[in-house]
């Protein structure tokens, strides 16, 4: 499941993965929120928390993640990823060079720092 995070500036879209993330989560929560923010602001910032309550992605969700990444990439200014999961951290670092946005990975304990970084001018 993907929960939309609130209490962030209007140009920052925040998500938290809880349990297993499915393709339906992308269609129902993530993609509509990104699309609405992009329509309103053009350029947006993204905070994605994959903390201790995150258990993984379904196979279809991995495909949806790749689609969202390629569809919206030119609209991103900053992306903050919060996770202590090694494969998530390594994957973000491996593909960061392909995204024309500033990307930074934070540990679960640095969640507040990640929010500050994503929201900073």
C-alpha atoms as a PDB file:
ATOM      1  CA  UNK A   1       0.000   0.000   0.000  1.00  0.00           C
ATOM      2  CA  UNK A   2       1.112   3.579  -0.621  1.00  0.00           C
ATOM      3  CA  UNK A   3      -0.028   6.334   1.732  1.00  0.00           C
ATOM      4  CA  UNK A   4       0.010   9.957   0.641  1.00  0.00           C
ATOM      5  CA  UNK A   5       1.907  12.116   3.151  1.00  0.00           C
ATOM      6  CA  UNK A   6       0.338  15.388   4.210  1.00  0.00           C
ATOM      7  CA  UNK A   7       1.728  18.562   5.793  1.00  0.00           C
ATOM      8  CA  UNK A   8       4.225  19.130   2.993  1.00  0.00           C
ATOM      9  CA  UNK A   9       4.491  22.208   0.763  1.00  0.00           C
ATOM     10  CA  UNK A  10       2.163  22.174  -2.230  1.00  0.00           C
ATOM     11  CA  UNK A  11       4.978  21.450  -4.711  1.00  0.00           C
ATOM     12  CA  UNK A  12       6.210  18.436  -2.714  1.00  0.00           C
ATOM     13  CA  UNK A  13       4.483  15.103  -3.157  1.00  0.00           C
ATOM     14  CA  UNK A  14       5.203  12.651  -0.360  1.00  0.00           C
ATOM     15  CA  UNK A  15       4.489   8.940  -0.183  1.00  0.00           C
ATOM     16  CA  UNK A  16       5.073   6.190   2.326  1.00  0.00           C
ATOM     17  CA  UNK A  17       5.144   2.533   1.342  1.00  0.00           C
ATOM     18  CA  UNK A  18       3.445   0.264   3.871  1.00  0.00           C
ATOM     19  CA  UNK A  19       3.455  -3.506   3.471  1.00  0.00           C
ATOM     20  CA  UNK A  20       3.620  -4.683  -0.122  1.00  0.00           C
ATOM     21  CA  UNK A  21       3.318  -2.059  -2.857  1.00  0.00           C
ATOM     22  CA  UNK A  22       1.182  -3.160  -5.817  1.00  0.00           C
ATOM     23  CA  UNK A  23       0.507  -1.828  -9.311  1.00  0.00           C
ATOM     24  CA  UNK A  24      -2.934  -0.768  -8.070  1.00  0.00           C
ATOM     25  CA  UNK A  25      -1.236   1.497  -5.505  1.00  0.00           C
ATOM     26  CA  UNK A  26       0.529   3.289  -8.347  1.00  0.00           C
ATOM     27  CA  UNK A  27      -2.699   3.673 -10.307  1.00  0.00           C
ATOM     28  CA  UNK A  28      -4.822   4.716  -7.332  1.00  0.00           C
ATOM     29  CA  UNK A  29      -2.453   6.888  -5.264  1.00  0.00           C
ATOM     30  CA  UNK A  30       1.001   7.663  -6.629  1.00  0.00           C
ATOM     31  CA  UNK A  31       0.381   8.475 -10.288  1.00  0.00           C
ATOM     32  CA  UNK A  32      -2.706  10.697  -9.729  1.00  0.00           C
ATOM     33  CA  UNK A  33      -0.912  12.689  -7.028  1.00  0.00           C
ATOM     34  CA  UNK A  34       2.170  13.212  -9.202  1.00  0.00           C
ATOM     35  CA  UNK A  35       0.072  14.147 -12.238  1.00  0.00           C
ATOM     36  CA  UNK A  36      -1.996  16.684 -10.277  1.00  0.00           C
ATOM     37  CA  UNK A  37       1.104  18.313  -8.763  1.00  0.00           C
ATOM     38  CA  UNK A  38       2.836  18.479 -12.150  1.00  0.00           C
ATOM     39  CA  UNK A  39      -0.212  20.103 -13.751  1.00  0.00           C
ATOM     40  CA  UNK A  40      -0.262  22.704 -10.983  1.00  0.00           C
ATOM     41  CA  UNK A  41       3.474  23.425 -10.635  1.00  0.00           C
ATOM     42  CA  UNK A  42       5.306  22.071 -13.679  1.00  0.00           C
ATOM     43  CA  UNK A  43       8.314  21.117 -11.551  1.00  0.00           C
ATOM     44  CA  UNK A  44       7.818  19.132  -8.361  1.00  0.00           C
ATOM     45  CA  UNK A  45       9.731  17.491  -5.567  1.00  0.00           C
ATOM     46  CA  UNK A  46       9.136  13.971  -4.334  1.00  0.00           C
ATOM     47  CA  UNK A  47       9.643  12.332  -0.947  1.00  0.00           C
ATOM     48  CA  UNK A  48       9.360   8.550  -0.927  1.00  0.00           C
ATOM     49  CA  UNK A  49       9.551   6.735   2.400  1.00  0.00           C
ATOM     50  CA  UNK A  50      10.219   3.003   2.310  1.00  0.00           C
ATOM     51  CA  UNK A  51      10.685   2.539   6.042  1.00  0.00           C
ATOM     52  CA  UNK A  52      10.378  -0.310   8.469  1.00  0.00           C
ATOM     53  CA  UNK A  53       6.717  -0.963   7.548  1.00  0.00           C
ATOM     54  CA  UNK A  54       7.651  -1.548   3.858  1.00  0.00           C
ATOM     55  CA  UNK A  55       7.894  -5.228   2.904  1.00  0.00           C
ATOM     56  CA  UNK A  56       8.440  -5.107  -0.859  1.00  0.00           C
ATOM     57  CA  UNK A  57       6.981  -4.655  -4.343  1.00  0.00           C
ATOM     58  CA  UNK A  58       4.797  -6.969  -6.363  1.00  0.00           C
ATOM     59  CA  UNK A  59       6.202  -7.823  -9.803  1.00  0.00           C
ATOM     60  CA  UNK A  60       3.692  -5.541 -11.496  1.00  0.00           C
ATOM     61  CA  UNK A  61       4.550  -2.686  -9.125  1.00  0.00           C
ATOM     62  CA  UNK A  62       8.189  -2.834 -10.198  1.00  0.00           C
ATOM     63  CA  UNK A  63       7.052  -2.354 -13.791  1.00  0.00           C
ATOM     64  CA  UNK A  64       4.775   0.549 -12.758  1.00  0.00           C
ATOM     65  CA  UNK A  65       7.664   2.169 -10.876  1.00  0.00           C
ATOM     66  CA  UNK A  66       9.750   2.133 -14.039  1.00  0.00           C
ATOM     67  CA  UNK A  67       6.877   3.625 -16.050  1.00  0.00           C
ATOM     68  CA  UNK A  68       6.287   6.445 -13.565  1.00  0.00           C
ATOM     69  CA  UNK A  69      10.000   7.148 -13.530  1.00  0.00           C
ATOM     70  CA  UNK A  70      10.203   7.541 -17.289  1.00  0.00           C
ATOM     71  CA  UNK A  71       6.879   9.335 -17.702  1.00  0.00           C
ATOM     72  CA  UNK A  72       7.436  12.079 -15.134  1.00  0.00           C
ATOM     73  CA  UNK A  73      11.241  12.382 -14.887  1.00  0.00           C
ATOM     74  CA  UNK A  74      11.556  15.772 -16.593  1.00  0.00           C
ATOM     75  CA  UNK A  75       9.256  17.362 -13.997  1.00  0.00           C
ATOM     76  CA  UNK A  76      11.279  16.428 -10.923  1.00  0.00           C
ATOM     77  CA  UNK A  77      13.555  18.901  -9.136  1.00  0.00           C
ATOM     78  CA  UNK A  78      14.476  16.838  -6.072  1.00  0.00           C
ATOM     79  CA  UNK A  79      13.776  13.321  -4.944  1.00  0.00           C
ATOM     80  CA  UNK A  80      14.373  12.228  -1.379  1.00  0.00           C
ATOM     81  CA  UNK A  81      14.229   8.516  -0.615  1.00  0.00           C
ATOM     82  CA  UNK A  82      14.072   7.352   2.990  1.00  0.00           C
ATOM     83  CA  UNK A  83      15.011   3.718   3.572  1.00  0.00           C
ATOM     84  CA  UNK A  84      17.302   1.428   5.520  1.00  0.00           C
ATOM     85  CA  UNK A  85      16.619  -1.386   3.050  1.00  0.00           C
ATOM     86  CA  UNK A  86      19.929  -2.114   1.337  1.00  0.00           C
ATOM     87  CA  UNK A  87      18.522  -3.109  -2.059  1.00  0.00           C
ATOM     88  CA  UNK A  88      16.417   0.077  -2.192  1.00  0.00           C
ATOM     89  CA  UNK A  89      19.402   2.270  -1.347  1.00  0.00           C
ATOM     90  CA  UNK A  90      21.636   0.501  -3.900  1.00  0.00           C
ATOM     91  CA  UNK A  91      18.994   0.666  -6.624  1.00  0.00           C
ATOM     92  CA  UNK A  92      18.461   4.399  -6.125  1.00  0.00           C
ATOM     93  CA  UNK A  93      22.214   5.030  -6.291  1.00  0.00           C
ATOM     94  CA  UNK A  94      22.568   2.817  -9.378  1.00  0.00           C
ATOM     95  CA  UNK A  95      19.905   4.663 -11.387  1.00  0.00           C
ATOM     96  CA  UNK A  96      20.263   8.210 -10.018  1.00  0.00           C
ATOM     97  CA  UNK A  97      22.559   9.262 -12.866  1.00  0.00           C
ATOM     98  CA  UNK A  98      19.696   8.721 -15.329  1.00  0.00           C
ATOM     99  CA  UNK A  99      17.309  11.159 -13.631  1.00  0.00           C
ATOM    100  CA  UNK A 100      17.729  14.910 -14.250  1.00  0.00           C
ATOM    101  CA  UNK A 101      16.936  15.782 -10.637  1.00  0.00           C
ATOM    102  CA  UNK A 102      18.858  15.979  -7.414  1.00  0.00           C
ATOM    103  CA  UNK A 103      18.407  12.658  -5.613  1.00  0.00           C
ATOM    104  CA  UNK A 104      19.452  11.881  -2.092  1.00  0.00           C
ATOM    105  CA  UNK A 105      18.968   8.756   0.021  1.00  0.00           C
ATOM    106  CA  UNK A 106      18.386   9.051   3.760  1.00  0.00           C
ATOM    107  CA  UNK A 107      18.204   6.458   6.510  1.00  0.00           C
ATOM    108  CA  UNK A 108      14.962   5.848   8.380  1.00  0.00           C
ATOM    109  CA  UNK A 109      16.378   7.843  11.300  1.00  0.00           C
ATOM    110  CA  UNK A 110      16.947  10.812   8.956  1.00  0.00           C
ATOM    111  CA  UNK A 111      13.315  11.142   7.878  1.00  0.00           C
ATOM    112  CA  UNK A 112      13.003  14.708   9.241  1.00  0.00           C
ATOM    113  CA  UNK A 113      16.263  15.669   7.514  1.00  0.00           C
ATOM    114  CA  UNK A 114      14.929  14.223   4.251  1.00  0.00           C
ATOM    115  CA  UNK A 115      11.767  16.310   4.536  1.00  0.00           C
ATOM    116  CA  UNK A 116      13.827  19.442   5.188  1.00  0.00           C
ATOM    117  CA  UNK A 117      16.108  18.717   2.234  1.00  0.00           C
ATOM    118  CA  UNK A 118      13.275  18.020  -0.211  1.00  0.00           C
ATOM    119  CA  UNK A 119      11.414  21.173   0.863  1.00  0.00           C
ATOM    120  CA  UNK A 120      14.421  23.533   1.012  1.00  0.00           C
ATOM    121  CA  UNK A 121      14.893  26.290  -1.555  1.00  0.00           C
END
